Amino acid sequence: MKLGEKRMNDVGSSRYSSMQESELEVLAVAAIREHRHLIAADEAVYEEWTRASADPSVSAAVLKTLQDEYVARQKKSEAQQEVLSEIIDALGYVPEVAPDGED
């Protein structure tokens, strides 16, 4: 089996394959917005962790907590990205989504 054939089979077996295009587009837009929010939150935690790492007065426990939070957020973002990818694969295109606040 060629890679392209496997990919098509994977898409065909997607939990989203029986949905109408309009439903998929609504899901895709919502998933894209959620992904944007997750990325922004991840960046904020990363920046806080980076600042704390450079501050010698911050305890190792606080640094560990920030690191653990960042790693947990990365895992959540990765899982959400997989869902978004499945939706986009089933839809067949990436819908246009205005930046936040421009709706």
Protein backbone atom coordinates (compact mmCIF):
# COMPACT_ATOMS: atom_id res chain seq x y z
CA MET A 1 0.00 0.00 0.00
CA LYS A 2 1.32 3.43 -0.91
CA LEU A 3 1.53 6.20 1.65
CA GLY A 4 -1.13 8.24 -0.15
CA GLU A 5 -3.52 5.29 -0.10
CA LYS A 6 -3.05 4.80 3.61
CA ARG A 7 -3.65 8.49 4.20
CA MET A 8 -6.88 8.35 2.23
CA ASN A 9 -8.01 5.32 4.21
CA ASP A 10 -7.20 7.09 7.46
CA VAL A 11 -9.24 10.09 6.37
CA GLY A 12 -12.08 7.86 5.25
CA SER A 13 -12.26 6.23 8.65
CA SER A 14 -12.20 9.55 10.47
CA ARG A 15 -14.94 10.21 12.98
CA TYR A 16 -15.64 13.35 10.96
CA SER A 17 -16.03 11.72 7.53
CA SER A 18 -19.82 11.43 7.75
CA MET A 19 -20.34 15.10 8.58
CA GLN A 20 -21.56 17.71 6.13
CA GLU A 21 -19.07 20.29 4.84
CA SER A 22 -20.89 23.13 6.62
CA GLU A 23 -20.68 21.27 9.95
CA LEU A 24 -17.00 20.51 9.40
CA GLU A 25 -16.25 24.13 8.57
CA VAL A 26 -17.88 25.31 11.82
CA LEU A 27 -15.84 22.72 13.74
CA ALA A 28 -12.65 23.69 11.91
CA VAL A 29 -13.10 27.39 12.65
CA ALA A 30 -13.75 26.65 16.33
CA ALA A 31 -10.72 24.33 16.49
CA ILE A 32 -8.48 26.92 14.81
CA ARG A 33 -9.58 29.57 17.30
CA GLU A 34 -9.02 27.17 20.20
CA HIS A 35 -5.58 26.36 18.84
CA ARG A 36 -4.70 30.05 18.65
CA HIS A 37 -5.79 30.53 22.28
CA LEU A 38 -3.79 27.52 23.44
CA ILE A 39 -0.68 28.77 21.66
CA ALA A 40 -1.03 32.24 23.23
CA ALA A 41 -1.45 30.72 26.70
CA ASP A 42 1.50 28.36 26.11
CA GLU A 43 3.67 31.32 25.12
CA ALA A 44 2.68 33.25 28.26
CA VAL A 45 3.62 30.31 30.50
CA TYR A 46 6.87 29.80 28.60
CA GLU A 47 7.78 33.48 28.95
CA GLU A 48 7.03 33.37 32.69
CA TRP A 49 9.13 30.22 33.06
CA THR A 50 11.99 31.87 31.12
CA ARG A 51 11.83 35.03 33.27
CA ALA A 52 11.71 32.97 36.46
CA SER A 53 14.67 30.87 35.32
CA ALA A 54 16.77 34.02 34.98
CA ASP A 55 15.81 35.26 38.46
CA PRO A 56 18.03 33.75 41.17
CA SER A 57 15.45 34.58 43.86
CA VAL A 58 12.89 32.18 42.35
CA SER A 59 12.86 28.83 44.09
CA ALA A 60 13.49 25.52 42.37
CA ALA A 61 9.96 24.45 43.34
CA VAL A 62 8.43 27.40 41.51
CA LEU A 63 10.60 26.72 38.45
CA LYS A 64 9.55 23.06 38.49
CA THR A 65 5.89 24.06 38.73
CA LEU A 66 6.24 26.41 35.74
CA GLN A 67 8.10 23.77 33.76
CA ASP A 68 5.46 21.14 34.56
CA GLU A 69 2.69 23.56 33.56
CA TYR A 70 4.42 24.30 30.26
CA VAL A 71 4.94 20.60 29.47
CA ALA A 72 1.29 19.81 30.32
CA ARG A 73 0.13 22.66 28.07
CA GLN A 74 2.33 21.38 25.24
CA LYS A 75 0.72 17.95 25.50
CA LYS A 76 -2.76 19.48 25.47
CA SER A 77 -1.86 21.61 22.44
CA GLU A 78 -0.47 18.57 20.64
CA ALA A 79 -3.68 16.60 21.24
CA GLN A 80 -5.79 19.53 20.09
CA GLN A 81 -3.62 19.91 16.98
CA GLU A 82 -4.30 16.26 16.11
CA VAL A 83 -8.06 16.87 16.36
CA LEU A 84 -7.74 20.01 14.23
CA SER A 85 -5.75 18.06 11.66
CA GLU A 86 -8.44 15.36 11.46
CA ILE A 87 -11.14 17.97 10.95
CA ILE A 88 -9.14 19.77 8.25
CA ASP A 89 -8.39 16.44 6.51
CA ALA A 90 -12.09 15.56 6.48
CA LEU A 91 -13.04 19.07 5.30
CA GLY A 92 -10.40 19.08 2.58
CA TYR A 93 -9.24 22.67 3.07
CA VAL A 94 -8.33 25.17 5.76
CA PRO A 95 -11.12 27.68 6.20
CA GLU A 96 -10.26 31.35 6.46
CA VAL A 97 -10.49 32.55 10.06
CA ALA A 98 -10.19 36.22 10.92
CA PRO A 99 -7.75 37.14 13.67
CA ASP A 100 -9.35 37.43 17.10
CA GLY A 101 -11.34 40.62 17.49
CA GLU A 102 -11.90 41.06 13.75
CA ASP A 103 -15.13 39.07 13.37
